[in-house]
PDB file of N, CA and C in Angstrom:
ATOM      1  N   UNK A   1     121.986 -32.389 -37.966  1.00  0.00           N
ATOM      2  CA  UNK A   1     122.151 -33.766 -38.378  1.00  0.00           C
ATOM      3  C   UNK A   1     121.578 -33.982 -39.779  1.00  0.00           C
ATOM      4  N   UNK A   2     120.616 -33.177 -40.140  1.00  0.00           N
ATOM      5  CA  UNK A   2     119.996 -33.299 -41.453  1.00  0.00           C
ATOM      6  C   UNK A   2     121.024 -33.094 -42.569  1.00  0.00           C
ATOM      7  N   UNK A   3     121.880 -32.079 -42.418  1.00  0.00           N
ATOM      8  CA  UNK A   3     122.909 -31.820 -43.433  1.00  0.00           C
ATOM      9  C   UNK A   3     123.908 -32.969 -43.515  1.00  0.00           C
ATOM     10  N   UNK A   4     124.191 -33.573 -42.393  1.00  0.00           N
ATOM     11  CA  UNK A   4     125.123 -34.708 -42.373  1.00  0.00           C
ATOM     12  C   UNK A   4     124.562 -35.840 -43.227  1.00  0.00           C
ATOM     13  N   UNK A   5     123.313 -36.149 -43.037  1.00  0.00           N
ATOM     14  CA  UNK A   5     122.690 -37.231 -43.807  1.00  0.00           C
ATOM     15  C   UNK A   5     122.498 -36.836 -45.269  1.00  0.00           C
ATOM     16  N   UNK A   6     122.109 -35.584 -45.474  1.00  0.00           N
ATOM     17  CA  UNK A   6     121.863 -35.114 -46.834  1.00  0.00           C
ATOM     18  C   UNK A   6     123.116 -35.204 -47.700  1.00  0.00           C
ATOM     19  N   UNK A   7     124.277 -34.949 -47.109  1.00  0.00           N
ATOM     20  CA  UNK A   7     125.531 -34.956 -47.856  1.00  0.00           C
ATOM     21  C   UNK A   7     126.371 -36.200 -47.587  1.00  0.00           C
ATOM     22  N   UNK A   8     125.760 -37.166 -46.916  1.00  0.00           N
ATOM     23  CA  UNK A   8     126.412 -38.451 -46.628  1.00  0.00           C
ATOM     24  C   UNK A   8     127.769 -38.259 -45.942  1.00  0.00           C
ATOM     25  N   UNK A   9     127.782 -37.372 -44.941  1.00  0.00           N
ATOM     26  CA  UNK A   9     129.005 -37.089 -44.196  1.00  0.00           C
ATOM     27  C   UNK A   9     129.141 -38.042 -43.015  1.00  0.00           C
ATOM     28  N   UNK A  10     130.362 -38.367 -42.641  1.00  0.00           N
ATOM     29  CA  UNK A  10     130.527 -39.235 -41.461  1.00  0.00           C
ATOM     30  C   UNK A  10     130.095 -38.485 -40.200  1.00  0.00           C
ATOM     31  N   UNK A  11     129.458 -39.171 -39.283  1.00  0.00           N
ATOM     32  CA  UNK A  11     128.979 -38.529 -38.069  1.00  0.00           C
ATOM     33  C   UNK A  11     129.521 -39.190 -36.802  1.00  0.00           C
ATOM     34  N   UNK A  12     130.407 -40.150 -36.981  1.00  0.00           N
ATOM     35  CA  UNK A  12     131.066 -40.771 -35.839  1.00  0.00           C
ATOM     36  C   UNK A  12     132.561 -40.547 -35.977  1.00  0.00           C
ATOM     37  N   UNK A  13     133.193 -40.229 -34.863  1.00  0.00           N
ATOM     38  CA  UNK A  13     134.624 -40.001 -34.877  1.00  0.00           C
ATOM     39  C   UNK A  13     135.366 -41.311 -34.649  1.00  0.00           C
ATOM     40  N   UNK A  14     136.537 -41.475 -35.275  1.00  0.00           N
ATOM     41  CA  UNK A  14     137.355 -42.656 -35.021  1.00  0.00           C
ATOM     42  C   UNK A  14     137.781 -42.682 -33.545  1.00  0.00           C
ATOM     43  N   UNK A  15     138.031 -43.860 -33.035  1.00  0.00           N
ATOM     44  CA  UNK A  15     138.378 -44.036 -31.619  1.00  0.00           C
ATOM     45  C   UNK A  15     139.585 -43.200 -31.217  1.00  0.00           C
ATOM     46  N   UNK A  16     140.601 -43.097 -32.076  1.00  0.00           N
ATOM     47  CA  UNK A  16     141.789 -42.320 -31.702  1.00  0.00           C
ATOM     48  C   UNK A  16     141.462 -40.836 -31.546  1.00  0.00           C
ATOM     49  N   UNK A  17     140.494 -40.341 -32.288  1.00  0.00           N
ATOM     50  CA  UNK A  17     140.080 -38.940 -32.158  1.00  0.00           C
ATOM     51  C   UNK A  17     139.341 -38.741 -30.839  1.00  0.00           C
ATOM     52  N   UNK A  18     138.481 -39.674 -30.491  1.00  0.00           N
ATOM     53  CA  UNK A  18     137.755 -39.601 -29.223  1.00  0.00           C
ATOM     54  C   UNK A  18     138.726 -39.645 -28.047  1.00  0.00           C
ATOM     55  N   UNK A  19     139.716 -40.521 -28.126  1.00  0.00           N
ATOM     56  CA  UNK A  19     140.701 -40.623 -27.043  1.00  0.00           C
ATOM     57  C   UNK A  19     141.511 -39.334 -26.905  1.00  0.00           C
ATOM     58  N   UNK A  20     141.881 -38.744 -28.011  1.00  0.00           N
ATOM     59  CA  UNK A  20     142.638 -37.490 -27.951  1.00  0.00           C
ATOM     60  C   UNK A  20     141.783 -36.362 -27.368  1.00  0.00           C
ATOM     61  N   UNK A  21     140.528 -36.309 -27.765  1.00  0.00           N
ATOM     62  CA  UNK A  21     139.625 -35.285 -27.226  1.00  0.00           C
ATOM     63  C   UNK A  21     139.423 -35.469 -25.726  1.00  0.00           C
ATOM     64  N   UNK A  22     139.394 -36.710 -25.274  1.00  0.00           N
ATOM     65  CA  UNK A  22     139.240 -36.987 -23.845  1.00  0.00           C
ATOM     66  C   UNK A  22     140.430 -36.486 -23.034  1.00  0.00           C
ATOM     67  N   UNK A  23     141.578 -36.367 -23.670  1.00  0.00           N
ATOM     68  CA  UNK A  23     142.784 -35.916 -22.955  1.00  0.00           C
ATOM     69  C   UNK A  23     142.851 -34.397 -22.811  1.00  0.00           C
ATOM     70  N   UNK A  24     141.982 -33.676 -23.480  1.00  0.00           N
ATOM     71  CA  UNK A  24     141.979 -32.211 -23.401  1.00  0.00           C
ATOM     72  C   UNK A  24     141.385 -31.788 -22.070  1.00  0.00           C
ATOM     73  N   UNK A  25     142.086 -30.905 -21.384  1.00  0.00           N
ATOM     74  CA  UNK A  25     141.615 -30.405 -20.101  1.00  0.00           C
ATOM     75  C   UNK A  25     140.354 -29.572 -20.317  1.00  0.00           C
ATOM     76  N   UNK A  26     139.285 -29.904 -19.621  1.00  0.00           N
ATOM     77  CA  UNK A  26     138.013 -29.211 -19.758  1.00  0.00           C
ATOM     78  C   UNK A  26     137.893 -28.014 -18.819  1.00  0.00           C
ATOM     79  N   UNK A  27     138.826 -27.886 -17.904  1.00  0.00           N
ATOM     80  CA  UNK A  27     138.769 -26.807 -16.928  1.00  0.00           C
ATOM     81  C   UNK A  27     139.401 -25.537 -17.513  1.00  0.00           C
ATOM     82  N   UNK A  28     138.735 -24.420 -17.326  1.00  0.00           N
ATOM     83  CA  UNK A  28     139.234 -23.141 -17.818  1.00  0.00           C
ATOM     84  C   UNK A  28     139.982 -22.454 -16.686  1.00  0.00           C
ATOM     85  N   UNK A  29     141.209 -22.074 -16.960  1.00  0.00           N
ATOM     86  CA  UNK A  29     142.005 -21.355 -15.966  1.00  0.00           C
ATOM     87  C   UNK A  29     141.531 -19.906 -15.906  1.00  0.00           C
ATOM     88  N   UNK A  30     141.467 -19.354 -14.707  1.00  0.00           N
ATOM     89  CA  UNK A  30     141.041 -17.962 -14.512  1.00  0.00           C
ATOM     90  C   UNK A  30     141.902 -17.012 -15.349  1.00  0.00           C
ATOM     91  N   UNK A  31     143.186 -17.290 -15.434  1.00  0.00           N
ATOM     92  CA  UNK A  31     144.101 -16.415 -16.181  1.00  0.00           C
ATOM     93  C   UNK A  31     143.808 -16.412 -17.683  1.00  0.00           C
ATOM     94  N   UNK A  32     143.120 -17.450 -18.184  1.00  0.00           N
ATOM     95  CA  UNK A  32     142.828 -17.549 -19.613  1.00  0.00           C
ATOM     96  C   UNK A  32     141.527 -16.860 -20.013  1.00  0.00           C
ATOM     97  N   UNK A  33     140.669 -16.548 -19.060  1.00  0.00           N
ATOM     98  CA  UNK A  33     139.357 -15.986 -19.366  1.00  0.00           C
ATOM     99  C   UNK A  33     139.429 -14.685 -20.175  1.00  0.00           C
ATOM    100  N   UNK A  34     140.317 -13.748 -19.844  1.00  0.00           N
ATOM    101  CA  UNK A  34     140.352 -12.502 -20.648  1.00  0.00           C
ATOM    102  C   UNK A  34     140.699 -12.729 -22.123  1.00  0.00           C
ATOM    103  N   UNK A  35     141.341 -13.842 -22.443  1.00  0.00           N
ATOM    104  CA  UNK A  35     141.745 -14.124 -23.823  1.00  0.00           C
ATOM    105  C   UNK A  35     140.708 -14.941 -24.593  1.00  0.00           C
ATOM    106  N   UNK A  36     139.580 -15.251 -23.952  1.00  0.00           N
ATOM    107  CA  UNK A  36     138.567 -16.091 -24.581  1.00  0.00           C
ATOM    108  C   UNK A  36     137.434 -15.240 -25.132  1.00  0.00           C
ATOM    109  N   UNK A  37     136.744 -15.774 -26.125  1.00  0.00           N
ATOM    110  CA  UNK A  37     135.587 -15.107 -26.701  1.00  0.00           C
ATOM    111  C   UNK A  37     134.364 -15.947 -26.333  1.00  0.00           C
ATOM    112  N   UNK A  38     133.358 -15.322 -25.739  1.00  0.00           N
ATOM    113  CA  UNK A  38     132.138 -16.013 -25.358  1.00  0.00           C
ATOM    114  C   UNK A  38     131.209 -16.074 -26.568  1.00  0.00           C
ATOM    115  N   UNK A  39     131.018 -17.262 -27.126  1.00  0.00           N
ATOM    116  CA  UNK A  39     130.197 -17.427 -28.324  1.00  0.00           C
ATOM    117  C   UNK A  39     128.783 -17.912 -27.998  1.00  0.00           C
ATOM    118  N   UNK A  40     128.454 -17.953 -26.697  1.00  0.00           N
ATOM    119  CA  UNK A  40     127.093 -18.371 -26.316  1.00  0.00           C
ATOM    120  C   UNK A  40     126.127 -17.248 -26.650  1.00  0.00           C
ATOM    121  N   UNK A  41     125.081 -17.577 -27.359  1.00  0.00           N
ATOM    122  CA  UNK A  41     124.030 -16.588 -27.676  1.00  0.00           C
ATOM    123  C   UNK A  41     122.718 -17.276 -27.835  1.00  0.00           C
TER     124      UNK A  41
END
């Protein structure tokens, strides 16, 4: 968040972006797992 403030970047998304993100399915299909990269570290 520090970089956002330092460079005066917007940190809130417009409502239409939030609504579109809400429509994305959050469930991962088992068949898709082999094609995914785990970036948790």
